[in-house]
Structure formats: structure tokens, C-alpha cells
């Protein structure tokens, strides 16, 4: 509106000259308009730079090109260029260098996840020693990973939406070639009979990476189940849960791992895996929701150790669910 009023005034000065006004009068008006328009132009230019230099929360120094970036609790920034890739199966963010904030944060830490100028969600740091559950998006503390890996988990809570798969995040990751599918797990069948459970599932690799995964056949039942609770049956609606009673073996030391545990699954490949539980709690007849978490390595390994000769070690864990009726 101000530009329109300024144009009208200039037109009025031209009309005044045409009607026989003196050159002195016209010069006076020109000086007035020149003096008036300079501050307006300067303010407009400054405003443009201000808009391109900070986001809605006043963050400065970020290149807003529509990529995914992070703002830490101490206001330090992880720009798009510092993110190597994002595994959407585990919601693990792999950084190109270690993040100092992760080395010093204790209780009260936070991460804000942005795409361009839009804040998508906040993530809190949840101490593992607390008996209370986290709420919404969180990352565990003390951390299980090195300071160049961030895993964001989610604890459902009434009124809080899980935005980790927000379409803006997915689009930004794909735009900057940071999007990776990770591994998928799908339960094929489950047989329950007299304290015995046979679980069959398919592990697939839709990613462009070839991955090494924890192989239950190579590890043995007890060691593999140190990294997972195995299948759990929950009544519908929830009142009670049932799980296995097998002996679990802990590696020595507890955070160690061996390459001999791993098997390669190539990009686009699918593998059928079967696990038999001979000691399982008696599950009465009824309707259940069965949960199974397929594990990967989580600790005792750094990014520099993830790349092997023929592929990359897959980290994290993924969940699979299936409705089961036991008669």
C-alpha cells in the first residue's frame, strides 16, 4: 500500500508541472519524495535480508534450502550438510561428524527437528534410569550410540502425533539423497501349541545399501535374545501379556559384538527366518496382538566400524505386529 501511495504522489507532481507550476516548486517536491523514499527502500531491503537470515524462531546462520536440519538444546545447529543419511526404518540420523552437544547433555536436553523454516516436532532426552515412561518423541540418555548417531524413538501419548514420518521430512531427505529405507520385518505365521511357539517372518531389504544383520542361526538362540525380547502376546483389549521363558546369554563384555554373528542381505533381497520357542508361557485361547522386535547392533560400535567389505552393518531395531487368534 505504501508503494501505491508513493506512485500517486509522483503522478500528482507531474500533473502540477503540466498545469504551469514553477520548476522551483517541482524541485522542492522531488527533494521531498527522494528524502521520503530512501528510508522506505532501505527498510524494505533490510527486511528481505532479515527474512532470509532467520527462521520463525529467530535462528540465524541457517541456509534455508528446504533440507532437514536440527536445533539442539544449547542452540547449536546441525545443518543439512552435516547429515550423512537418515534410516527411516529405525529413525536413526547418521551425522558426518561427532556432535559436541551429545557429549555433554544430561537431563533436560532437547532437539528440534526442522525442514526449511518449518519446525516439525521437538524431541526430549529421556534418562534411562527413570521409572516413568517418556512422552512423544525422545532419545535415550545415557546414549547407546556414538556422538555422530542420533536415534529418535516415540512413546505414544494421548494428543501427541508421531511426526517422524512427516511428508515434509521424507521429501527433504529424498531431495538431498539422505533417505534410506533400512530393513523391514513382516510376520508370516505363528503357531502356538502346549507351551511351544514357532515364529516365521520375512526380513527384506528395500534399501540401496547391502546390509549385514544379526543372524539368529549363527548367534544361537540365547545370545540372539539378549538383543530382543522375542515375541509377546498381548490380550485385546490389553490386560495381560505372555512371552518366552528361554535362557538368555549375555556377551562378554556386555557391549561387545563379532562379525561372525552377521549375515549379508543384499539390496532388494528377502530372507525367510524361523525361530522355535520350546519354553513359552501358556497362552489361553482368545484374541491377541503379537509383537516382535527384530534387533540390530545398538552399542559397542562406531560409524567407522559400520562399513565392511561387502556391505554396511544395520543398526537399531524394527517392530512387527500381527493379530493372532488362539483356539
Protein backbone atom coordinates (compact mmCIF):
# COMPACT_ATOMS: atom_id res chain seq x y z
CA UNK A 1 0.00 0.00 0.00
CA UNK A 2 2.85 2.39 0.74
CA UNK A 3 4.27 1.89 -2.76
CA UNK A 4 0.88 2.71 -4.29
CA UNK A 5 0.61 5.94 -2.30
CA UNK A 6 4.14 6.95 -3.30
CA UNK A 7 3.31 6.43 -7.00
CA UNK A 8 0.19 8.55 -6.66
CA UNK A 9 2.21 11.40 -5.18
CA UNK A 10 4.73 11.30 -8.01
CA UNK A 11 1.91 11.43 -10.56
CA UNK A 12 0.49 14.42 -8.74
CA UNK A 13 3.83 16.24 -9.09
CA UNK A 14 3.84 15.63 -12.86
CA UNK A 15 0.29 16.92 -13.17
CA UNK A 16 1.24 20.04 -11.21
CA UNK A 17 4.11 20.77 -13.65
CA UNK A 18 1.81 20.32 -16.64
CA UNK A 19 -0.57 22.81 -15.12
CA UNK A 20 2.13 25.51 -15.11
CA UNK A 21 3.84 25.03 -11.74
CA UNK A 22 7.27 26.60 -11.32
CA UNK A 23 10.43 24.45 -11.63
CA UNK A 24 11.33 25.53 -8.11
CA UNK A 25 8.07 24.07 -6.78
CA UNK A 26 8.68 20.83 -8.70
CA UNK A 27 12.28 20.59 -7.43
CA UNK A 28 11.03 21.03 -3.90
CA UNK A 29 8.60 18.13 -4.36
CA UNK A 30 11.33 15.93 -5.88
CA UNK A 31 13.57 16.57 -2.88
CA UNK A 32 10.70 15.67 -0.59
CA UNK A 33 10.00 12.38 -2.40
CA UNK A 34 13.67 11.47 -2.61
CA UNK A 35 14.05 12.03 1.13
CA UNK A 36 10.89 10.02 1.86
CA UNK A 37 11.54 7.04 -0.40
CA UNK A 38 15.18 6.32 0.61
CA UNK A 39 14.32 5.14 4.15
CA UNK A 40 11.46 3.05 2.76
CA UNK A 41 13.74 1.32 0.23
CA UNK A 42 16.40 0.72 2.88
CA UNK A 43 13.82 -0.73 5.26
CA UNK A 44 12.50 -2.98 2.50
CA UNK A 45 15.99 -4.30 1.68
CA UNK A 46 16.80 -4.89 5.35
CA UNK A 47 13.51 -6.71 5.75
CA UNK A 48 14.33 -9.06 2.86
CA UNK A 49 17.71 -9.91 4.39
CA UNK A 50 16.08 -10.47 7.77
CA UNK A 51 13.59 -12.92 6.29
CA UNK A 52 16.29 -14.94 4.56
CA UNK A 53 18.64 -14.86 7.56
CA UNK A 54 16.49 -16.29 10.35
CA UNK A 55 13.57 -18.66 10.79
CA UNK A 56 10.31 -18.33 12.68
CA UNK A 57 12.16 -18.89 15.97
CA UNK A 58 14.90 -16.39 15.16
CA UNK A 59 17.63 -18.91 14.28
CA UNK A 60 20.42 -17.18 12.40
CA UNK A 61 23.05 -18.53 10.08
CA UNK A 62 21.00 -21.37 8.58
CA UNK A 63 20.82 -21.91 4.84
CA UNK A 64 17.09 -22.39 4.33
CA UNK A 65 17.09 -24.52 1.20
CA UNK A 66 14.30 -26.87 2.29
CA UNK A 67 16.52 -29.57 3.81
CA UNK A 68 16.26 -31.36 7.15
CA UNK A 69 18.26 -29.74 9.96
CA UNK A 70 18.39 -29.87 13.75
CA UNK A 71 18.49 -27.27 16.50
CA UNK A 72 19.94 -28.60 19.74
CA UNK A 73 19.03 -27.55 23.27
CA UNK A 74 22.07 -25.26 23.54
CA UNK A 75 21.03 -23.52 20.28
CA UNK A 76 23.82 -25.18 18.31
CA UNK A 77 22.82 -26.19 14.78
CA UNK A 78 23.23 -29.38 12.76
CA UNK A 79 22.83 -28.10 9.19
CA UNK A 80 21.57 -30.22 6.31
CA UNK A 81 25.13 -30.55 5.00
CA UNK A 82 26.26 -32.30 8.23
CA UNK A 83 23.69 -35.10 7.89
CA UNK A 84 25.04 -38.12 6.05
CA UNK A 85 21.79 -40.10 5.83
CA UNK A 86 18.60 -40.99 7.71
CA UNK A 87 17.41 -44.60 8.18
CA UNK A 88 13.60 -44.32 8.26
CA UNK A 89 13.14 -47.91 9.48
CA UNK A 90 14.82 -47.09 12.79
CA UNK A 91 14.68 -43.26 12.72
CA UNK A 92 18.43 -43.09 13.13
CA UNK A 93 20.23 -40.00 11.87
CA UNK A 94 23.83 -40.59 10.83
CA UNK A 95 26.00 -37.47 11.01
CA UNK A 96 29.22 -36.72 9.16
CA UNK A 97 30.99 -35.75 12.38
CA UNK A 98 30.53 -36.04 16.12
CA UNK A 99 28.23 -33.52 17.76
CA UNK A 100 29.71 -31.84 20.89
CA UNK A 101 26.26 -31.26 22.39
CA UNK A 102 25.68 -35.01 22.65
CA UNK A 103 28.86 -35.43 24.68
CA UNK A 104 27.78 -33.07 27.46
CA UNK A 105 23.97 -33.23 27.58
CA UNK A 106 22.34 -34.81 30.61
CA UNK A 107 18.77 -34.26 31.79
CA UNK A 108 16.74 -31.55 30.13
CA UNK A 109 18.32 -31.87 26.72
CA UNK A 110 16.26 -31.35 23.59
CA UNK A 111 16.33 -31.50 19.80
CA UNK A 112 14.08 -29.54 17.46
CA UNK A 113 13.62 -31.07 14.02
CA UNK A 114 13.17 -28.63 11.11
CA UNK A 115 12.60 -28.74 7.39
CA UNK A 116 13.46 -25.39 5.86
CA UNK A 117 11.71 -22.79 8.01
CA UNK A 118 9.16 -25.21 9.45
CA UNK A 119 9.63 -26.78 12.86
CA UNK A 120 8.19 -30.30 12.54
CA UNK A 121 8.49 -31.52 16.15
CA UNK A 122 10.50 -31.43 19.37
CA UNK A 123 12.42 -34.37 20.83
CA UNK A 124 13.37 -34.66 24.51
CA UNK A 125 16.22 -36.55 26.18
CA UNK A 126 14.81 -39.26 28.45
CA UNK A 127 17.09 -40.66 31.21
CA UNK A 128 17.02 -44.48 31.19
CA UNK A 129 17.25 -44.61 34.98
CA UNK A 130 13.78 -43.04 35.39
CA UNK A 131 10.89 -45.38 36.17
CA UNK A 132 8.47 -43.14 34.27
CA UNK A 133 7.86 -43.53 30.54
CA UNK A 134 8.85 -40.83 28.04
CA UNK A 135 6.14 -38.86 26.26
CA UNK A 136 6.14 -38.45 22.48
CA UNK A 137 9.42 -38.19 20.54
CA UNK A 138 12.53 -38.83 22.63
CA UNK A 139 16.11 -40.04 22.55
CA UNK A 140 17.57 -42.11 25.37
CA UNK A 141 20.16 -40.85 27.83
CA UNK A 142 22.74 -42.12 28.66
CA UNK A 143 23.13 -42.64 24.97
CA UNK A 144 23.67 -46.07 23.45
CA UNK A 145 25.43 -44.74 20.36
CA UNK A 146 28.41 -42.63 19.43
CA UNK A 147 28.05 -38.84 19.20
CA UNK A 148 27.65 -38.99 15.41
CA UNK A 149 24.45 -41.06 15.56
CA UNK A 150 21.06 -39.88 16.82
CA UNK A 151 18.15 -42.28 17.25
CA UNK A 152 14.71 -40.73 17.78
CA UNK A 153 12.10 -43.03 19.33
CA UNK A 154 8.43 -42.38 20.07
CA UNK A 155 6.25 -43.25 23.04
CA UNK A 156 2.53 -42.89 22.19
CA UNK A 157 0.55 -40.50 24.34
CA UNK A 158 -2.95 -39.07 24.01
CA UNK A 159 -3.00 -35.96 21.85
CA UNK A 160 0.60 -36.25 20.64
CA UNK A 161 1.14 -37.09 16.98
CA UNK A 162 4.11 -39.09 15.75
CA UNK A 163 5.63 -36.79 13.14
CA UNK A 164 8.86 -38.66 12.48
CA UNK A 165 7.45 -39.74 9.11
CA UNK A 166 6.05 -36.32 8.26
CA UNK A 167 5.80 -35.96 4.48
CA UNK A 168 7.97 -32.82 4.61
CA UNK A 169 10.78 -34.80 6.28
CA UNK A 170 10.56 -37.62 3.74
CA UNK A 171 10.52 -35.18 0.80
CA UNK A 172 13.51 -33.26 2.18
CA UNK A 173 15.54 -36.43 2.74
CA UNK A 174 14.87 -37.61 -0.80
CA UNK A 175 15.70 -34.18 -2.22
CA UNK A 176 19.17 -34.28 -0.64
CA UNK A 177 19.78 -38.03 -1.21
CA UNK A 178 19.74 -38.68 2.54
CA UNK A 179 16.76 -41.06 2.53
CA UNK A 180 17.37 -44.75 3.27
CA UNK A 181 14.73 -47.43 3.85
CA UNK A 182 16.72 -49.71 6.15
CA UNK A 183 15.31 -53.20 6.73
CA UNK A 184 11.70 -54.39 7.01
CA UNK A 185 10.31 -57.27 9.05
CA UNK A 186 6.94 -58.93 8.41
CA UNK A 187 5.46 -61.79 10.43
CA UNK A 188 4.39 -64.60 8.11
CA UNK A 189 2.91 -67.06 10.61
CA UNK A 190 2.88 -68.06 14.27
CA UNK A 191 1.98 -71.46 15.69
CA UNK A 192 1.12 -71.85 19.39
CA UNK A 193 0.76 -75.30 20.98
CA UNK A 194 1.35 -76.64 24.52
CA UNK A 195 3.99 -74.12 25.60
CA UNK A 196 5.71 -74.11 22.23
CA UNK A 197 5.71 -71.25 19.72
CA UNK A 198 7.04 -71.33 16.16
CA UNK A 199 7.53 -67.88 14.66
CA UNK A 200 8.16 -67.37 10.94
CA UNK A 201 8.91 -63.96 9.49
CA UNK A 202 10.35 -62.35 6.39
CA UNK A 203 13.29 -59.96 6.56
CA UNK A 204 13.56 -57.76 3.46
CA UNK A 205 15.97 -55.10 2.27
CA UNK A 206 14.29 -52.38 0.14
CA UNK A 207 17.30 -50.07 0.60
CA UNK A 208 20.10 -49.29 -1.83
CA UNK A 209 22.65 -50.42 0.78
CA UNK A 210 23.61 -54.07 1.21
CA UNK A 211 23.26 -54.73 4.95
CA UNK A 212 24.73 -57.10 7.50
CA UNK A 213 22.17 -58.19 10.10
CA UNK A 214 22.24 -60.23 13.32
CA UNK A 215 21.60 -63.85 12.29
CA UNK A 216 19.83 -65.93 14.98
CA UNK A 217 21.15 -69.18 13.45
CA UNK A 218 24.77 -68.01 13.66
CA UNK A 219 24.40 -66.46 17.12
CA UNK A 220 22.35 -69.20 18.73
CA UNK A 221 19.01 -68.72 20.45
CA UNK A 222 20.25 -67.46 23.82
CA UNK A 223 22.68 -64.86 22.50
CA UNK A 224 20.28 -63.53 19.84
CA UNK A 225 17.62 -62.97 22.51
CA UNK A 226 19.96 -60.83 24.56
CA UNK A 227 19.24 -58.22 21.87
CA UNK A 228 15.47 -58.79 21.67
CA UNK A 229 12.61 -59.87 23.95
CA UNK A 230 11.25 -62.12 21.25
CA UNK A 231 7.51 -62.41 20.54
CA UNK A 232 4.99 -61.07 23.06
CA UNK A 233 1.26 -61.82 23.03
CA UNK A 234 -0.99 -59.12 24.46
CA UNK A 235 -4.69 -59.63 25.13
CA UNK A 236 -7.17 -57.47 23.22
CA UNK A 237 -8.15 -55.23 24.96
CA UNK A 238 -4.88 -55.19 26.87
CA UNK A 239 -4.93 -56.84 30.27
CA UNK A 240 -2.04 -59.30 30.26
CA UNK A 241 0.96 -60.32 28.15
CA UNK A 242 2.76 -63.61 27.56
CA UNK A 243 6.36 -64.23 26.49
CA UNK A 244 9.06 -66.91 26.32
CA UNK A 245 10.96 -68.37 29.29
CA UNK A 246 14.10 -69.43 27.46
CA UNK A 247 17.60 -68.85 28.86
CA UNK A 248 19.28 -65.70 27.55
CA UNK A 249 23.07 -65.49 27.13
CA UNK A 250 24.91 -62.20 27.62
CA UNK A 251 28.01 -61.47 25.51
CA UNK A 252 31.27 -60.84 27.34
CA UNK A 253 31.87 -57.99 27.69
CA UNK A 254 28.20 -56.96 27.55
CA UNK A 255 28.73 -54.34 24.82
CA UNK A 256 30.86 -56.50 22.51
CA UNK A 257 29.98 -58.00 19.13
CA UNK A 258 31.55 -60.23 16.49
CA UNK A 259 31.48 -60.24 12.71
CA UNK A 260 30.75 -63.98 12.87
CA UNK A 261 27.23 -63.13 14.10
CA UNK A 262 26.37 -61.32 10.88
CA UNK A 263 24.82 -62.35 7.56
CA UNK A 264 24.58 -60.20 4.43
CA UNK A 265 21.20 -59.32 2.91
CA UNK A 266 21.63 -57.58 -0.42
CA UNK A 267 19.61 -54.68 -1.76
CA UNK A 268 16.22 -56.00 -2.92
CA UNK A 269 16.71 -59.39 -1.25
CA UNK A 270 14.23 -61.20 1.03
CA UNK A 271 15.03 -63.87 3.62
CA UNK A 272 12.65 -66.23 5.44
CA UNK A 273 13.61 -66.84 9.06
CA UNK A 274 12.08 -69.28 11.56
CA UNK A 275 12.59 -69.33 15.34
CA UNK A 276 11.23 -72.03 17.65
CA UNK A 277 10.49 -71.32 21.31
CA UNK A 278 10.23 -74.56 23.29
CA UNK A 279 9.65 -72.85 26.61
CA UNK A 280 6.85 -70.32 26.31
CA UNK A 281 4.25 -69.21 28.83
CA UNK A 282 0.91 -70.95 28.36
CA UNK A 283 -1.26 -68.69 26.21
CA UNK A 284 -5.02 -69.26 26.78
CA UNK A 285 -7.48 -69.28 23.90
CA UNK A 286 -8.50 -65.83 22.76
CA UNK A 287 -7.62 -62.87 20.55
CA UNK A 288 -4.16 -61.34 20.82
CA UNK A 289 -1.92 -58.73 19.32
CA UNK A 290 1.51 -60.24 18.86
CA UNK A 291 4.62 -58.03 18.81
CA UNK A 292 8.11 -58.97 17.71
CA UNK A 293 11.19 -56.78 17.65
CA UNK A 294 13.93 -57.70 15.20
CA UNK A 295 17.23 -56.40 16.61
CA UNK A 296 20.38 -54.94 15.17
CA UNK A 297 23.53 -53.79 16.92
CA UNK A 298 23.00 -50.76 19.15
CA UNK A 299 26.14 -50.22 21.18
CA UNK A 300 29.81 -51.06 21.19
CA UNK A 301 30.21 -49.92 17.59
CA UNK A 302 31.11 -46.62 15.93
CA UNK A 303 30.38 -45.35 12.43
CA UNK A 304 33.88 -46.14 11.23
CA UNK A 305 33.22 -49.82 12.00
CA UNK A 306 29.87 -49.99 10.20
CA UNK A 307 31.25 -50.40 6.68
CA UNK A 308 32.54 -53.89 5.92
CA UNK A 309 33.93 -55.35 2.70
CA UNK A 310 30.62 -56.18 1.00
CA UNK A 311 28.09 -54.04 2.83
CA UNK A 312 27.15 -51.99 5.85
CA UNK A 313 26.14 -53.15 9.34
CA UNK A 314 22.50 -52.36 10.03
CA UNK A 315 21.86 -50.78 13.42
CA UNK A 316 18.77 -50.26 15.57
CA UNK A 317 15.65 -52.42 15.78
CA UNK A 318 12.33 -52.73 13.99
CA UNK A 319 8.94 -53.93 15.20
CA UNK A 320 6.41 -56.21 13.56
CA UNK A 321 2.83 -56.86 14.69
CA UNK A 322 0.17 -59.40 13.88
CA UNK A 323 -3.35 -60.16 15.10
CA UNK A 324 -3.49 -63.75 16.35
CA UNK A 325 -6.46 -65.90 17.39
CA UNK A 326 -5.66 -68.91 19.57
CA UNK A 327 -8.30 -71.61 19.78
